[in-house]
């Protein structure tokens, strides 16, 4: 797992390079890339995924499918159906799961990236199936007592800064992948 402080000037370059390397090592030219942005717009701290999805959709990325936006969120009630649809509509897809999470106070505003799946909803004691071949998570607030209340009282500015960072880093990575393939 790699952590990036979104306020660090060099972080976006390092984030994009890590993302590029993870995708390149775990996919081939025929692999469909699906970016699954998880969360809801009903709690500020949980809207990171849908905001990233909204931003990525506006970028019109080629050869990438983006699911989970502000107008069409992927959340606890529809995530299993969404994952089943991905598996039935794409041959061996590479799923990048993006979600908000809670963490240590000194890690608020950090983005983590790594290989493997995430367990959406774990921070608020929901039991959902693991999702993704790799993940990007944003630590939007601290974990502790009454986590759902913490999520609802997260600063939108924190979430937006992280969403900008993630979306820009993904766009940069996808552009670099196109150059390496073509």
N, C-alpha and C. Protein backbone atom coordinates (compact mmCIF):
# COMPACT_ATOMS: atom_id res chain seq x y z
N UNK A 1 0.85 -1.17 0.00
CA UNK A 1 0.00 0.00 0.00
C UNK A 1 0.89 1.24 0.00
N UNK A 2 0.48 2.23 -0.77
CA UNK A 2 1.21 3.49 -0.86
C UNK A 2 0.29 4.62 -0.41
N UNK A 3 0.82 5.58 0.36
CA UNK A 3 0.06 6.73 0.83
C UNK A 3 0.58 8.00 0.18
N UNK A 4 -0.35 8.91 -0.16
CA UNK A 4 0.03 10.18 -0.76
C UNK A 4 -0.75 11.31 -0.10
N UNK A 5 -0.04 12.32 0.35
CA UNK A 5 -0.66 13.52 0.90
C UNK A 5 -1.05 14.41 -0.28
N UNK A 6 -2.34 14.66 -0.46
CA UNK A 6 -2.80 15.39 -1.64
C UNK A 6 -2.29 16.83 -1.67
N UNK A 7 -1.79 17.33 -0.55
CA UNK A 7 -1.26 18.70 -0.50
C UNK A 7 0.23 18.77 -0.86
N UNK A 8 0.86 17.61 -0.99
CA UNK A 8 2.28 17.55 -1.35
C UNK A 8 2.42 17.72 -2.86
N UNK A 9 3.22 18.65 -3.30
CA UNK A 9 3.36 18.98 -4.72
C UNK A 9 3.82 17.78 -5.55
N UNK A 10 4.71 16.98 -5.04
CA UNK A 10 5.23 15.83 -5.81
C UNK A 10 4.32 14.61 -5.74
N UNK A 11 3.29 14.65 -4.93
CA UNK A 11 2.45 13.47 -4.72
C UNK A 11 1.70 13.04 -5.98
N UNK A 12 1.23 13.97 -6.78
CA UNK A 12 0.44 13.59 -7.95
C UNK A 12 1.28 12.81 -8.95
N UNK A 13 2.51 13.19 -9.13
CA UNK A 13 3.40 12.46 -10.03
C UNK A 13 3.68 11.06 -9.50
N UNK A 14 3.95 10.95 -8.21
CA UNK A 14 4.22 9.65 -7.59
C UNK A 14 2.97 8.76 -7.63
N UNK A 15 1.81 9.34 -7.35
CA UNK A 15 0.54 8.61 -7.39
C UNK A 15 0.31 8.06 -8.80
N UNK A 16 0.45 8.91 -9.81
CA UNK A 16 0.23 8.50 -11.21
C UNK A 16 1.21 7.40 -11.62
N UNK A 17 2.45 7.51 -11.22
CA UNK A 17 3.44 6.48 -11.56
C UNK A 17 3.10 5.15 -10.92
N UNK A 18 2.68 5.18 -9.66
CA UNK A 18 2.30 3.94 -8.97
C UNK A 18 1.08 3.32 -9.64
N UNK A 19 0.09 4.14 -9.94
CA UNK A 19 -1.12 3.65 -10.61
C UNK A 19 -0.77 3.05 -11.96
N UNK A 20 0.05 3.74 -12.73
CA UNK A 20 0.49 3.25 -14.04
C UNK A 20 1.15 1.88 -13.91
N UNK A 21 2.08 1.77 -12.97
CA UNK A 21 2.81 0.50 -12.79
C UNK A 21 1.88 -0.63 -12.36
N UNK A 22 0.95 -0.36 -11.46
CA UNK A 22 0.00 -1.40 -11.03
C UNK A 22 -0.88 -1.87 -12.18
N UNK A 23 -1.36 -0.93 -12.98
CA UNK A 23 -2.21 -1.31 -14.11
C UNK A 23 -1.39 -2.07 -15.15
N UNK A 24 -0.23 -1.55 -15.48
CA UNK A 24 0.59 -2.17 -16.52
C UNK A 24 1.02 -3.59 -16.14
N UNK A 25 1.36 -3.82 -14.87
CA UNK A 25 1.81 -5.13 -14.42
C UNK A 25 0.68 -6.15 -14.33
N UNK A 26 -0.56 -5.66 -14.18
CA UNK A 26 -1.67 -6.58 -13.92
C UNK A 26 -2.69 -6.66 -15.04
N UNK A 27 -2.41 -6.04 -16.17
CA UNK A 27 -3.33 -6.09 -17.31
C UNK A 27 -2.54 -6.29 -18.59
N UNK A 28 -3.27 -6.62 -19.66
CA UNK A 28 -2.66 -6.62 -20.99
C UNK A 28 -3.51 -5.72 -21.88
N UNK A 29 -3.14 -5.60 -23.13
CA UNK A 29 -3.79 -4.66 -24.04
C UNK A 29 -5.29 -4.98 -24.24
N UNK A 30 -5.69 -6.24 -24.04
CA UNK A 30 -7.08 -6.64 -24.24
C UNK A 30 -7.94 -6.55 -22.99
N UNK A 31 -7.35 -6.18 -21.88
CA UNK A 31 -8.08 -6.12 -20.62
C UNK A 31 -8.95 -4.87 -20.56
N UNK A 32 -10.20 -5.04 -20.17
CA UNK A 32 -11.10 -3.90 -19.96
C UNK A 32 -10.83 -3.32 -18.58
N UNK A 33 -10.64 -2.02 -18.53
CA UNK A 33 -10.44 -1.35 -17.24
C UNK A 33 -11.77 -0.73 -16.83
N UNK A 34 -12.23 -1.09 -15.63
CA UNK A 34 -13.46 -0.54 -15.07
C UNK A 34 -13.10 0.18 -13.78
N UNK A 35 -13.47 1.45 -13.71
CA UNK A 35 -13.25 2.23 -12.49
C UNK A 35 -14.58 2.29 -11.76
N UNK A 36 -14.62 1.67 -10.60
CA UNK A 36 -15.84 1.56 -9.80
C UNK A 36 -15.74 2.53 -8.63
N UNK A 37 -16.49 3.62 -8.72
CA UNK A 37 -16.45 4.68 -7.71
C UNK A 37 -17.60 4.47 -6.73
N UNK A 38 -17.27 4.13 -5.51
CA UNK A 38 -18.24 3.67 -4.51
C UNK A 38 -18.56 4.78 -3.52
N UNK A 39 -19.84 4.91 -3.16
CA UNK A 39 -20.24 5.86 -2.15
C UNK A 39 -21.60 6.46 -2.46
N UNK A 40 -22.00 7.40 -1.63
CA UNK A 40 -23.29 8.06 -1.79
C UNK A 40 -23.12 9.56 -1.61
N UNK A 41 -24.01 10.31 -2.23
CA UNK A 41 -23.96 11.76 -2.06
C UNK A 41 -24.79 12.22 -0.86
N UNK A 42 -25.26 11.28 -0.07
CA UNK A 42 -26.10 11.61 1.08
C UNK A 42 -25.30 11.84 2.36
N UNK A 43 -24.01 11.60 2.31
CA UNK A 43 -23.11 11.88 3.44
C UNK A 43 -21.83 12.47 2.87
N UNK A 44 -21.48 13.64 3.30
CA UNK A 44 -20.33 14.34 2.73
C UNK A 44 -19.08 13.47 2.71
N UNK A 45 -18.81 12.77 3.78
CA UNK A 45 -17.61 11.95 3.85
C UNK A 45 -17.63 10.74 2.94
N UNK A 46 -18.81 10.33 2.51
CA UNK A 46 -18.93 9.13 1.67
C UNK A 46 -19.11 9.48 0.20
N UNK A 47 -19.03 10.75 -0.15
CA UNK A 47 -19.28 11.13 -1.55
C UNK A 47 -18.00 11.20 -2.38
N UNK A 48 -16.86 10.82 -1.82
CA UNK A 48 -15.61 10.85 -2.57
C UNK A 48 -15.72 10.05 -3.87
N UNK A 49 -16.15 8.81 -3.79
CA UNK A 49 -16.27 7.96 -4.98
C UNK A 49 -17.16 8.58 -6.05
N UNK A 50 -18.40 8.94 -5.72
CA UNK A 50 -19.27 9.54 -6.74
C UNK A 50 -18.75 10.85 -7.33
N UNK A 51 -18.05 11.64 -6.53
CA UNK A 51 -17.48 12.88 -7.08
C UNK A 51 -16.34 12.55 -8.04
N UNK A 52 -15.49 11.59 -7.70
CA UNK A 52 -14.43 11.17 -8.62
C UNK A 52 -15.07 10.64 -9.91
N UNK A 53 -16.09 9.82 -9.78
CA UNK A 53 -16.78 9.29 -10.97
C UNK A 53 -17.36 10.39 -11.83
N UNK A 54 -17.98 11.37 -11.20
CA UNK A 54 -18.53 12.53 -11.91
C UNK A 54 -17.43 13.25 -12.69
N UNK A 55 -16.30 13.49 -12.04
CA UNK A 55 -15.19 14.19 -12.68
C UNK A 55 -14.61 13.36 -13.83
N UNK A 56 -14.44 12.07 -13.62
CA UNK A 56 -13.88 11.21 -14.67
C UNK A 56 -14.81 11.12 -15.88
N UNK A 57 -16.11 11.06 -15.66
CA UNK A 57 -17.07 11.02 -16.78
C UNK A 57 -16.95 12.27 -17.63
N UNK A 58 -16.71 13.41 -17.01
CA UNK A 58 -16.56 14.67 -17.74
C UNK A 58 -15.27 14.71 -18.57
N UNK A 59 -14.30 13.87 -18.22
CA UNK A 59 -13.02 13.85 -18.93
C UNK A 59 -13.05 12.99 -20.19
N UNK A 60 -14.11 12.21 -20.38
CA UNK A 60 -14.26 11.35 -21.56
C UNK A 60 -13.02 10.51 -21.81
N UNK A 61 -12.67 9.70 -20.84
CA UNK A 61 -11.49 8.84 -20.96
C UNK A 61 -11.78 7.71 -21.94
N UNK A 62 -10.89 7.49 -22.87
CA UNK A 62 -11.04 6.41 -23.84
C UNK A 62 -10.63 5.08 -23.22
N UNK A 63 -11.29 4.03 -23.65
CA UNK A 63 -10.94 2.65 -23.25
C UNK A 63 -11.05 2.40 -21.76
N UNK A 64 -11.84 3.19 -21.05
CA UNK A 64 -12.07 3.02 -19.62
C UNK A 64 -13.56 3.18 -19.35
N UNK A 65 -14.12 2.30 -18.56
CA UNK A 65 -15.51 2.42 -18.15
C UNK A 65 -15.55 2.94 -16.73
N UNK A 66 -16.33 3.99 -16.49
CA UNK A 66 -16.47 4.58 -15.16
C UNK A 66 -17.89 4.32 -14.67
N UNK A 67 -18.01 3.71 -13.51
CA UNK A 67 -19.30 3.46 -12.87
C UNK A 67 -19.30 4.08 -11.50
N UNK A 68 -20.43 4.72 -11.13
CA UNK A 68 -20.56 5.36 -9.84
C UNK A 68 -20.31 6.85 -9.95
N UNK A 69 -21.38 7.62 -10.09
CA UNK A 69 -21.30 9.07 -10.20
C UNK A 69 -22.29 9.70 -9.25
N UNK A 70 -22.32 11.01 -9.21
CA UNK A 70 -23.29 11.69 -8.35
C UNK A 70 -24.73 11.37 -8.77
N UNK A 71 -24.97 11.29 -10.07
CA UNK A 71 -26.33 11.02 -10.55
C UNK A 71 -26.67 9.54 -10.56
N UNK A 72 -25.67 8.69 -10.54
CA UNK A 72 -25.87 7.25 -10.58
C UNK A 72 -24.88 6.56 -9.65
N UNK A 73 -25.02 6.75 -8.34
CA UNK A 73 -24.02 6.22 -7.40
C UNK A 73 -24.06 4.70 -7.25
N UNK A 74 -22.93 4.15 -6.91
CA UNK A 74 -22.82 2.73 -6.55
C UNK A 74 -22.61 2.71 -5.04
N UNK A 75 -23.54 2.10 -4.33
CA UNK A 75 -23.54 2.12 -2.87
C UNK A 75 -23.96 0.77 -2.32
N UNK A 76 -24.15 0.68 -1.03
CA UNK A 76 -24.44 -0.60 -0.37
C UNK A 76 -25.63 -1.33 -0.98
N UNK A 77 -26.63 -0.61 -1.43
CA UNK A 77 -27.84 -1.27 -1.92
C UNK A 77 -27.72 -1.81 -3.34
N UNK A 78 -26.74 -1.33 -4.11
CA UNK A 78 -26.65 -1.81 -5.50
C UNK A 78 -25.26 -2.31 -5.90
N UNK A 79 -24.35 -2.38 -4.96
CA UNK A 79 -22.98 -2.76 -5.33
C UNK A 79 -22.88 -4.20 -5.82
N UNK A 80 -23.59 -5.12 -5.19
CA UNK A 80 -23.51 -6.52 -5.64
C UNK A 80 -24.05 -6.66 -7.06
N UNK A 81 -25.16 -6.03 -7.34
CA UNK A 81 -25.74 -6.06 -8.69
C UNK A 81 -24.77 -5.42 -9.70
N UNK A 82 -24.16 -4.31 -9.33
CA UNK A 82 -23.22 -3.63 -10.22
C UNK A 82 -22.02 -4.51 -10.54
N UNK A 83 -21.46 -5.15 -9.53
CA UNK A 83 -20.30 -6.03 -9.74
C UNK A 83 -20.70 -7.22 -10.62
N UNK A 84 -21.88 -7.78 -10.39
CA UNK A 84 -22.36 -8.88 -11.23
C UNK A 84 -22.51 -8.43 -12.68
N UNK A 85 -23.02 -7.22 -12.90
CA UNK A 85 -23.16 -6.68 -14.26
C UNK A 85 -21.80 -6.48 -14.92
N UNK A 86 -20.83 -6.02 -14.16
CA UNK A 86 -19.47 -5.85 -14.70
C UNK A 86 -18.94 -7.20 -15.16
N UNK A 87 -19.07 -8.20 -14.31
CA UNK A 87 -18.53 -9.53 -14.64
C UNK A 87 -19.24 -10.17 -15.82
N UNK A 88 -20.53 -9.86 -16.01
CA UNK A 88 -21.24 -10.45 -17.15
C UNK A 88 -21.06 -9.64 -18.44
N UNK A 89 -20.70 -8.36 -18.35
CA UNK A 89 -20.58 -7.52 -19.54
C UNK A 89 -19.14 -7.32 -20.02
N UNK A 90 -18.16 -7.69 -19.21
CA UNK A 90 -16.76 -7.51 -19.58
C UNK A 90 -16.03 -8.84 -19.41
N UNK A 91 -15.22 -9.16 -20.39
CA UNK A 91 -14.41 -10.38 -20.30
C UNK A 91 -13.17 -10.07 -19.47
N UNK A 92 -13.05 -10.73 -18.34
CA UNK A 92 -11.91 -10.57 -17.43
C UNK A 92 -11.56 -9.09 -17.16
N UNK A 93 -12.49 -8.32 -16.59
CA UNK A 93 -12.23 -6.89 -16.35
C UNK A 93 -11.23 -6.68 -15.22
N UNK A 94 -10.50 -5.58 -15.31
CA UNK A 94 -9.61 -5.15 -14.23
C UNK A 94 -10.34 -4.01 -13.53
N UNK A 95 -10.79 -4.25 -12.31
CA UNK A 95 -11.62 -3.29 -11.58
C UNK A 95 -10.77 -2.50 -10.60
N UNK A 96 -10.83 -1.18 -10.76
CA UNK A 96 -10.18 -0.26 -9.82
C UNK A 96 -11.29 0.30 -8.94
N UNK A 97 -11.31 -0.10 -7.68
CA UNK A 97 -12.33 0.36 -6.73
C UNK A 97 -11.86 1.62 -6.04
N UNK A 98 -12.73 2.63 -6.02
CA UNK A 98 -12.42 3.90 -5.36
C UNK A 98 -13.46 4.14 -4.28
N UNK A 99 -13.00 4.44 -3.07
CA UNK A 99 -13.93 4.64 -1.97
C UNK A 99 -13.29 5.55 -0.92
N UNK A 100 -14.15 6.18 -0.14
CA UNK A 100 -13.71 6.96 1.01
C UNK A 100 -13.48 6.01 2.17
N UNK A 101 -12.64 6.41 3.09
CA UNK A 101 -12.46 5.62 4.31
C UNK A 101 -12.11 6.54 5.46
N UNK A 102 -12.19 5.99 6.64
CA UNK A 102 -11.80 6.70 7.86
C UNK A 102 -10.46 6.14 8.31
N UNK A 103 -9.67 6.96 8.96
CA UNK A 103 -8.35 6.51 9.38
C UNK A 103 -7.85 7.29 10.57
N UNK A 104 -6.55 7.35 10.70
CA UNK A 104 -5.93 8.10 11.79
C UNK A 104 -6.03 9.59 11.53
N UNK A 105 -6.09 10.36 12.58
CA UNK A 105 -6.22 11.81 12.49
C UNK A 105 -5.11 12.42 11.62
N UNK A 106 -3.89 11.93 11.76
CA UNK A 106 -2.78 12.51 10.99
C UNK A 106 -2.72 12.03 9.54
N UNK A 107 -3.64 11.16 9.13
CA UNK A 107 -3.70 10.70 7.74
C UNK A 107 -4.87 11.31 6.97
N UNK A 108 -5.65 12.17 7.60
CA UNK A 108 -6.77 12.81 6.89
C UNK A 108 -6.19 13.61 5.73
N UNK A 109 -6.77 13.43 4.55
CA UNK A 109 -6.28 14.10 3.36
C UNK A 109 -5.27 13.28 2.58
N UNK A 110 -5.05 12.05 3.00
CA UNK A 110 -4.14 11.16 2.29
C UNK A 110 -4.94 10.21 1.41
N UNK A 111 -4.35 9.84 0.30
CA UNK A 111 -4.92 8.86 -0.61
C UNK A 111 -4.02 7.64 -0.56
N UNK A 112 -4.62 6.47 -0.50
CA UNK A 112 -3.84 5.24 -0.55
C UNK A 112 -4.18 4.48 -1.83
N UNK A 113 -3.23 3.74 -2.30
CA UNK A 113 -3.41 2.95 -3.52
C UNK A 113 -2.70 1.62 -3.33
N UNK A 114 -3.31 0.56 -3.83
CA UNK A 114 -2.67 -0.74 -3.69
C UNK A 114 -3.36 -1.80 -4.52
N UNK A 115 -2.71 -2.94 -4.58
CA UNK A 115 -3.23 -4.10 -5.29
C UNK A 115 -4.16 -4.87 -4.36
N UNK A 116 -5.24 -5.40 -4.91
CA UNK A 116 -6.18 -6.19 -4.13
C UNK A 116 -7.51 -5.48 -4.00
N UNK A 117 -8.39 -6.09 -3.26
CA UNK A 117 -9.75 -5.57 -3.13
C UNK A 117 -9.92 -4.77 -1.84
N UNK A 118 -11.05 -4.07 -1.79
CA UNK A 118 -11.43 -3.36 -0.57
C UNK A 118 -12.76 -3.91 -0.09
N UNK A 119 -13.09 -3.63 1.15
CA UNK A 119 -14.38 -4.02 1.73
C UNK A 119 -15.19 -2.75 1.95
N UNK A 120 -15.99 -2.36 0.95
CA UNK A 120 -16.77 -1.13 1.12
C UNK A 120 -17.71 -1.24 2.31
N UNK A 121 -17.89 -0.15 3.01
CA UNK A 121 -18.81 -0.11 4.14
C UNK A 121 -18.23 -0.63 5.45
N UNK A 122 -17.02 -1.15 5.42
CA UNK A 122 -16.43 -1.72 6.64
C UNK A 122 -16.30 -0.68 7.74
N UNK A 123 -16.05 0.57 7.37
CA UNK A 123 -15.88 1.63 8.36
C UNK A 123 -17.14 1.96 9.13
N UNK A 124 -18.30 1.59 8.57
CA UNK A 124 -19.57 1.84 9.26
C UNK A 124 -20.29 0.52 9.54
N UNK A 125 -19.50 -0.54 9.70
CA UNK A 125 -19.97 -1.86 10.10
C UNK A 125 -20.99 -2.48 9.15
N UNK A 126 -20.82 -2.24 7.84
CA UNK A 126 -21.65 -2.92 6.85
C UNK A 126 -20.84 -4.08 6.30
N UNK A 127 -21.52 -5.19 6.05
CA UNK A 127 -20.85 -6.36 5.50
C UNK A 127 -21.21 -6.47 4.03
N UNK A 128 -20.26 -6.10 3.19
CA UNK A 128 -20.43 -6.15 1.74
C UNK A 128 -19.29 -6.97 1.17
N UNK A 129 -19.49 -7.53 -0.02
CA UNK A 129 -18.42 -8.35 -0.60
C UNK A 129 -17.20 -7.51 -0.98
N UNK A 130 -16.01 -8.10 -0.92
CA UNK A 130 -14.81 -7.40 -1.37
C UNK A 130 -14.93 -7.05 -2.84
N UNK A 131 -14.37 -5.90 -3.22
CA UNK A 131 -14.50 -5.40 -4.59
C UNK A 131 -13.14 -4.92 -5.09
N UNK A 132 -12.84 -5.24 -6.35
CA UNK A 132 -11.70 -4.66 -7.03
C UNK A 132 -10.49 -5.55 -7.14
N UNK A 133 -9.70 -5.25 -8.16
CA UNK A 133 -8.40 -5.89 -8.36
C UNK A 133 -7.30 -4.98 -7.80
N UNK A 134 -7.63 -3.72 -7.71
CA UNK A 134 -6.80 -2.74 -7.03
C UNK A 134 -7.72 -1.69 -6.45
N UNK A 135 -7.20 -0.87 -5.57
CA UNK A 135 -8.05 0.11 -4.90
C UNK A 135 -7.36 1.45 -4.79
N UNK A 136 -8.20 2.46 -4.69
CA UNK A 136 -7.76 3.81 -4.34
C UNK A 136 -8.72 4.26 -3.25
N UNK A 137 -8.19 4.59 -2.10
CA UNK A 137 -9.04 5.08 -1.02
C UNK A 137 -8.56 6.45 -0.57
N UNK A 138 -9.52 7.24 -0.14
CA UNK A 138 -9.20 8.55 0.40
C UNK A 138 -9.60 8.62 1.86
N UNK A 139 -8.68 8.98 2.71
CA UNK A 139 -8.96 9.07 4.14
C UNK A 139 -9.57 10.44 4.39
N UNK A 140 -10.90 10.46 4.53
CA UNK A 140 -11.65 11.71 4.60
C UNK A 140 -11.83 12.24 6.02
N UNK A 141 -11.68 11.37 7.01
CA UNK A 141 -11.87 11.80 8.39
C UNK A 141 -11.29 10.73 9.32
N UNK A 142 -11.34 10.98 10.62
CA UNK A 142 -10.76 10.04 11.58
C UNK A 142 -11.78 8.98 11.98
N UNK A 143 -11.27 7.84 12.34
CA UNK A 143 -12.10 6.72 12.76
C UNK A 143 -12.18 6.71 14.28
N UNK A 144 -13.30 6.27 14.76
CA UNK A 144 -13.47 6.20 16.21
C UNK A 144 -14.92 5.99 16.57
N UNK A 145 -15.35 6.72 17.51
CA UNK A 145 -16.71 6.62 18.02
C UNK A 145 -17.69 7.28 17.05
N UNK A 146 -18.81 6.61 16.79
CA UNK A 146 -19.90 7.14 15.94
C UNK A 146 -19.42 7.51 14.53
N UNK A 147 -18.86 6.52 13.84
CA UNK A 147 -18.27 6.75 12.53
C UNK A 147 -19.25 7.31 11.50
N UNK A 148 -20.52 6.90 11.54
CA UNK A 148 -21.49 7.42 10.57
C UNK A 148 -21.69 8.92 10.77
N UNK A 149 -21.73 9.37 12.00
CA UNK A 149 -21.85 10.79 12.29
C UNK A 149 -20.61 11.54 11.81
N UNK A 150 -19.45 10.92 11.99
CA UNK A 150 -18.19 11.52 11.52
C UNK A 150 -18.24 11.69 10.00
N UNK A 151 -18.71 10.67 9.28
CA UNK A 151 -18.81 10.76 7.82
C UNK A 151 -19.73 11.90 7.39
N UNK A 152 -20.82 12.07 8.11
CA UNK A 152 -21.79 13.11 7.74
C UNK A 152 -21.29 14.51 8.08
N UNK A 153 -20.27 14.61 8.91
CA UNK A 153 -19.73 15.91 9.30
C UNK A 153 -18.32 16.14 8.77
N UNK A 154 -18.01 15.49 7.68
CA UNK A 154 -16.71 15.65 7.03
C UNK A 154 -16.74 16.91 6.18
N UNK A 155 -15.63 17.62 6.14
CA UNK A 155 -15.55 18.85 5.34
C UNK A 155 -15.56 18.53 3.85
N UNK A 156 -16.44 19.18 3.12
CA UNK A 156 -16.52 18.99 1.68
C UNK A 156 -15.22 19.42 1.01
N UNK A 157 -14.56 20.43 1.53
CA UNK A 157 -13.30 20.89 0.97
C UNK A 157 -12.26 19.77 0.96
N UNK A 158 -12.21 18.98 2.02
CA UNK A 158 -11.29 17.86 2.09
C UNK A 158 -11.60 16.84 1.00
N UNK A 159 -12.87 16.52 0.87
CA UNK A 159 -13.31 15.53 -0.12
C UNK A 159 -13.03 16.03 -1.54
N UNK A 160 -13.33 17.28 -1.82
CA UNK A 160 -13.14 17.83 -3.16
C UNK A 160 -11.65 17.86 -3.54
N UNK A 161 -10.79 18.23 -2.61
CA UNK A 161 -9.36 18.24 -2.89
C UNK A 161 -8.85 16.85 -3.24
N UNK A 162 -9.35 15.85 -2.52
CA UNK A 162 -8.94 14.47 -2.78
C UNK A 162 -9.52 13.99 -4.11
N UNK A 163 -10.76 14.37 -4.40
CA UNK A 163 -11.40 13.97 -5.67
C UNK A 163 -10.65 14.56 -6.85
N UNK A 164 -10.25 15.83 -6.75
CA UNK A 164 -9.46 16.45 -7.82
C UNK A 164 -8.15 15.70 -8.02
N UNK A 165 -7.48 15.41 -6.93
CA UNK A 165 -6.20 14.71 -6.96
C UNK A 165 -6.35 13.35 -7.65
N UNK A 166 -7.33 12.56 -7.23
CA UNK A 166 -7.53 11.21 -7.77
C UNK A 166 -7.91 11.28 -9.25
N UNK A 167 -8.88 12.14 -9.59
CA UNK A 167 -9.32 12.23 -10.98
C UNK A 167 -8.19 12.68 -11.90
N UNK A 168 -7.44 13.69 -11.49
CA UNK A 168 -6.32 14.16 -12.30
C UNK A 168 -5.26 13.07 -12.45
N UNK A 169 -4.96 12.38 -11.35
CA UNK A 169 -3.97 11.31 -11.40
C UNK A 169 -4.40 10.17 -12.32
N UNK A 170 -5.69 9.83 -12.30
CA UNK A 170 -6.19 8.78 -13.19
C UNK A 170 -6.11 9.25 -14.64
N UNK A 171 -6.52 10.47 -14.91
CA UNK A 171 -6.46 10.98 -16.29
C UNK A 171 -5.02 10.95 -16.80
N UNK A 172 -4.12 11.39 -15.99
CA UNK A 172 -2.70 11.40 -16.36
C UNK A 172 -2.21 9.98 -16.64
N UNK A 173 -2.61 9.03 -15.81
CA UNK A 173 -2.22 7.64 -15.98
C UNK A 173 -2.79 7.05 -17.25
N UNK A 174 -4.08 7.26 -17.50
CA UNK A 174 -4.72 6.72 -18.70
C UNK A 174 -4.07 7.30 -19.95
N UNK A 175 -3.75 8.58 -19.94
CA UNK A 175 -3.06 9.20 -21.08
C UNK A 175 -1.69 8.55 -21.30
N UNK A 176 -0.97 8.26 -20.23
CA UNK A 176 0.33 7.59 -20.35
C UNK A 176 0.19 6.15 -20.83
N UNK A 177 -0.88 5.46 -20.39
CA UNK A 177 -1.12 4.09 -20.86
C UNK A 177 -1.38 4.09 -22.35
N UNK A 178 -2.12 5.06 -22.86
CA UNK A 178 -2.40 5.14 -24.30
C UNK A 178 -1.10 5.30 -25.07
N UNK A 179 -0.19 6.14 -24.56
CA UNK A 179 1.08 6.36 -25.24
C UNK A 179 1.93 5.10 -25.25
N UNK A 180 1.90 4.33 -24.16
CA UNK A 180 2.74 3.13 -24.09
C UNK A 180 2.19 2.02 -24.97
N UNK A 181 0.88 2.00 -25.18
CA UNK A 181 0.25 0.98 -26.01
C UNK A 181 0.40 1.35 -27.48
N UNK A 182 0.19 2.62 -27.80
CA UNK A 182 0.17 3.06 -29.19
C UNK A 182 1.44 3.59 -29.58
